[in-house]
Protein backbone atom coordinates (compact mmCIF):
# COMPACT_ATOMS: atom_id res chain seq x y z
CA MET A 1 108.21 117.79 98.99
CA ALA A 2 106.18 117.48 102.18
CA VAL A 3 104.15 114.37 102.92
CA PRO A 4 100.48 115.09 103.69
CA ALA A 5 99.38 114.55 107.28
CA ASP A 6 97.21 111.45 107.71
CA GLN A 7 93.65 112.40 108.68
CA ASP A 8 91.01 109.69 108.54
CA LEU A 9 87.37 110.77 108.75
CA THR A 10 84.17 109.05 109.84
CA ILE A 11 80.93 110.62 108.65
CA THR A 12 77.28 109.69 108.73
CA ARG A 13 75.54 109.56 105.36
CA GLY A 14 73.05 112.43 105.02
CA ASP A 15 74.69 114.64 107.66
CA THR A 16 76.43 117.97 107.15
CA GLU A 17 80.10 117.49 107.98
CA THR A 18 82.21 120.50 108.94
CA LEU A 19 85.99 120.45 109.36
CA VAL A 20 87.94 123.42 110.65
CA VAL A 21 91.58 123.18 109.60
CA THR A 22 94.29 125.47 110.93
CA ILE A 23 97.36 125.74 108.69
CA THR A 24 100.51 126.05 110.81
CA SER A 25 104.24 126.42 110.27
CA ASP A 26 105.28 124.01 113.02
CA GLY A 27 102.16 122.19 114.20
CA THR A 28 101.13 124.95 116.59
CA THR A 29 101.86 128.40 115.10
CA PRO A 30 99.19 129.50 112.56
CA ILE A 31 100.38 131.14 109.36
CA ASN A 32 98.66 133.83 107.31
CA ILE A 33 96.89 132.08 104.40
CA THR A 34 95.17 135.14 102.94
CA GLY A 35 95.01 134.74 99.15
CA ARG A 36 95.39 130.96 99.17
CA THR A 37 92.64 128.60 98.02
CA TYR A 38 91.64 125.14 99.22
CA ARG A 39 89.69 122.16 97.95
CA ALA A 40 88.85 118.70 99.21
CA GLN A 41 87.32 115.74 97.40
CA VAL A 42 86.10 112.23 98.19
CA ARG A 43 86.65 109.35 95.75
CA SER A 44 85.96 105.60 95.85
CA GLN A 45 89.65 104.88 95.14
CA ALA A 46 92.53 107.30 95.49
CA ASP A 47 93.27 107.17 91.75
CA SER A 48 89.64 107.15 90.56
CA THR A 49 88.68 109.77 87.99
CA THR A 50 85.18 110.04 89.48
CA ILE A 51 84.57 112.50 92.30
CA LYS A 52 82.02 111.07 94.75
CA ALA A 53 81.66 114.28 96.80
CA SER A 54 83.37 117.63 97.29
CA PHE A 55 83.80 119.82 100.34
CA THR A 56 83.20 123.55 99.99
CA CYS A 57 86.35 125.15 101.40
CA THR A 58 86.37 128.73 102.67
CA VAL A 59 89.20 130.67 104.28
CA THR A 60 87.38 131.81 107.41
CA ASP A 61 90.28 133.53 109.21
CA GLY A 62 93.18 134.01 106.83
CA ALA A 63 95.40 135.86 109.30
CA ASN A 64 95.16 132.93 111.72
CA GLY A 65 95.43 130.14 109.13
CA GLN A 66 91.85 128.92 109.43
CA VAL A 67 89.92 127.13 106.67
CA THR A 68 86.44 125.66 107.06
CA ALA A 69 85.55 122.70 104.81
CA VAL A 70 81.89 121.68 104.60
CA LEU A 71 80.42 118.56 103.04
CA SER A 72 76.72 119.30 102.63
CA ALA A 73 74.01 116.91 103.82
CA THR A 74 72.85 116.65 100.20
CA ASP A 75 76.30 115.55 99.02
CA SER A 76 76.93 113.13 101.89
CA ALA A 77 73.50 111.55 101.26
CA THR A 78 74.74 110.38 97.85
CA LEU A 79 77.48 108.24 99.41
CA SER A 80 76.82 104.58 100.14
CA ALA A 81 78.04 103.22 103.46
CA GLY A 82 81.64 102.08 103.07
CA ILE A 83 85.21 103.29 102.84
CA TYR A 84 86.39 106.06 100.51
CA PHE A 85 89.50 108.20 100.11
CA TRP A 86 89.88 111.96 100.49
CA ASP A 87 92.45 114.72 100.50
CA PHE A 88 92.66 118.43 101.24
CA GLU A 89 94.75 120.62 98.92
CA GLU A 90 96.11 124.15 99.07
CA THR A 91 96.96 126.38 96.12
CA ALA A 92 99.40 129.17 97.00
CA SER A 93 100.93 131.34 94.27
CA GLY A 94 100.24 128.62 91.70
CA THR A 95 101.81 125.83 93.76
CA VAL A 96 99.46 122.99 94.71
CA SER A 97 100.20 121.06 97.91
CA THR A 98 98.25 118.25 99.54
CA ILE A 99 97.97 119.09 103.24
CA LEU A 100 95.82 116.20 104.54
CA SER A 101 94.81 112.81 103.17
CA GLY A 102 93.24 109.60 104.40
CA THR A 103 90.20 107.41 104.35
CA VAL A 104 86.58 108.37 104.84
CA THR A 105 84.38 105.82 106.56
CA VAL A 106 80.74 106.50 105.73
CA THR A 107 78.24 105.00 108.14
CA ALA A 108 74.63 104.43 107.17
CA ASP A 109 72.02 106.83 108.44
CA VAL A 110 68.83 105.59 110.01
CA THR A 111 66.70 108.74 109.99
CA ARG A 112 66.01 109.98 106.48
């Protein structure tokens, strides 16, 4: 079983956050991910049952391994400033794998 890559995020509450992830076979060579699905969630604790926010994940270039994950401004606005946990999962042929995981530091917004 592969260990997820560590990817910490820093976001500003109330902003739209967009991540473009390229799935590779060796760290540089993209793989075809057509037909696979992705999801990413933010929680206050890694083992919490409550989802604080979810990214909308879309395969934007399957042949070149590209997924775009978007946390909407509306969803990020619901987060209080602080530290959370997140991960990014792939489902391929019924097998679920966590690709990325880490902390999310949410900074307070000034303009609302």
